[in-house]
Amino acid sequence: MISVIASIRIKSGKIPEFLEICKANVPTVRAEKGCLEYMPTADIDSKLPTQGLDPQLITIIEKWESLEALHRHLKAPHMLTYRDKVKDLVEERTLKVLTEA
């Protein structure tokens, strides 16, 4: 299993527009062969001392059956369309691709 933490910094004032586009894409992603989990998330204040809060950051938590499934996902037509729709809303994006240690 492959886990992905996709951190997406959204331009100021653009979170609602980004989430609308992102959430509309979620059912299509979840229907992809090999997708086990795909969920956009946002920081909440847990009051834990080591937590860093970032109101402009959306984190997508993903789980895939394999690295091959993740690669197919990244090339899927709906993902190309999604990236085009959000490109002017995003400041920065980083990925962490993980496997069990």
Protein backbone atom coordinates (compact mmCIF):
# COMPACT_ATOMS: atom_id res chain seq x y z
CA MET A 1 0.00 0.00 0.00
CA ILE A 2 1.13 3.53 -0.82
CA SER A 3 0.10 6.57 1.24
CA VAL A 4 0.25 10.09 -0.13
CA ILE A 5 0.13 13.36 1.77
CA ALA A 6 -0.49 16.15 -0.75
CA SER A 7 -0.13 19.60 0.81
CA ILE A 8 -1.63 22.37 -1.29
CA ARG A 9 -1.22 26.02 -0.31
CA ILE A 10 -4.18 27.97 -1.65
CA LYS A 11 -4.12 31.68 -2.49
CA SER A 12 -5.77 33.99 0.01
CA GLY A 13 -9.55 34.06 -0.33
CA LYS A 14 -9.62 31.11 -2.77
CA ILE A 15 -10.22 28.20 -0.35
CA PRO A 16 -14.01 27.95 -1.01
CA GLU A 17 -13.51 27.92 -4.79
CA PHE A 18 -10.70 25.37 -4.54
CA LEU A 19 -12.71 23.07 -2.27
CA GLU A 20 -15.72 23.18 -4.58
CA ILE A 21 -13.58 22.00 -7.51
CA CYS A 22 -11.67 19.47 -5.41
CA LYS A 23 -14.74 17.91 -3.79
CA ALA A 24 -16.47 17.61 -7.17
CA ASN A 25 -13.50 15.48 -8.31
CA VAL A 26 -13.41 13.21 -5.24
CA PRO A 27 -16.06 10.65 -6.33
CA THR A 28 -14.28 10.13 -9.66
CA VAL A 29 -10.93 9.63 -7.92
CA ARG A 30 -12.43 7.22 -5.38
CA ALA A 31 -13.84 5.17 -8.27
CA GLU A 32 -10.37 4.71 -9.79
CA LYS A 33 -8.94 1.21 -9.77
CA GLY A 34 -6.50 0.98 -6.88
CA CYS A 35 -7.80 3.94 -4.86
CA LEU A 36 -8.36 3.00 -1.22
CA GLU A 37 -8.83 6.49 0.22
CA TYR A 38 -8.87 10.06 -1.05
CA MET A 39 -9.95 12.90 1.20
CA PRO A 40 -9.27 16.66 1.29
CA THR A 41 -8.67 17.90 4.84
CA ALA A 42 -8.04 21.21 6.61
CA ASP A 43 -6.31 22.09 9.87
CA ILE A 44 -8.33 22.29 13.07
CA ASP A 45 -7.02 23.73 16.31
CA SER A 46 -6.41 20.66 18.46
CA LYS A 47 -4.68 22.66 21.22
CA LEU A 48 -1.70 20.29 20.92
CA PRO A 49 1.51 22.19 21.63
CA THR A 50 3.42 20.98 18.57
CA GLN A 51 0.70 21.60 16.01
CA GLY A 52 1.28 24.20 13.35
CA LEU A 53 -1.92 25.70 11.97
CA ASP A 54 -2.11 26.99 8.42
CA PRO A 55 -5.49 28.28 7.24
CA GLN A 56 -4.31 28.42 3.61
CA LEU A 57 -3.29 24.75 3.49
CA ILE A 58 -5.47 21.91 2.22
CA THR A 59 -4.03 18.46 2.76
CA ILE A 60 -5.26 15.58 0.65
CA ILE A 61 -4.79 12.21 2.31
CA GLU A 62 -4.60 9.37 -0.19
CA LYS A 63 -4.07 5.62 -0.05
CA TRP A 64 -3.39 3.51 -3.12
CA GLU A 65 -3.03 -0.24 -3.62
CA SER A 66 0.28 0.27 -5.42
CA LEU A 67 2.69 2.78 -6.86
CA GLU A 68 1.36 1.83 -10.31
CA ALA A 69 -2.17 2.83 -9.26
CA LEU A 70 -0.86 6.19 -8.05
CA HIS A 71 0.93 6.77 -11.37
CA ARG A 72 -2.27 5.92 -13.29
CA HIS A 73 -4.17 8.38 -11.08
CA LEU A 74 -1.76 11.21 -11.81
CA LYS A 75 -2.21 10.69 -15.57
CA ALA A 76 -6.00 10.21 -15.49
CA PRO A 77 -7.94 12.64 -17.74
CA HIS A 78 -10.04 13.92 -14.82
CA MET A 79 -6.86 14.78 -12.90
CA LEU A 80 -5.46 16.72 -15.84
CA THR A 81 -8.75 18.66 -16.00
CA TYR A 82 -8.73 19.19 -12.22
CA ARG A 83 -5.16 20.55 -12.24
CA ASP A 84 -6.07 22.94 -15.04
CA LYS A 85 -9.12 24.20 -13.12
CA VAL A 86 -7.20 24.88 -9.89
CA LYS A 87 -3.88 26.12 -11.31
CA ASP A 88 -4.70 29.80 -10.69
CA LEU A 89 -5.88 29.09 -7.13
CA VAL A 90 -2.76 27.27 -5.95
CA GLU A 91 0.40 28.92 -4.64
CA GLU A 92 2.42 25.79 -3.91
CA ARG A 93 2.05 22.02 -3.73
CA THR A 94 4.21 19.34 -2.15
CA LEU A 95 3.86 15.58 -2.03
CA LYS A 96 5.00 12.95 0.41
CA VAL A 97 4.71 9.46 -1.01
CA LEU A 98 5.08 6.85 1.72
CA THR A 99 5.12 3.12 2.29
CA GLU A 100 5.09 1.13 5.49
CA ALA A 101 8.46 1.21 7.27
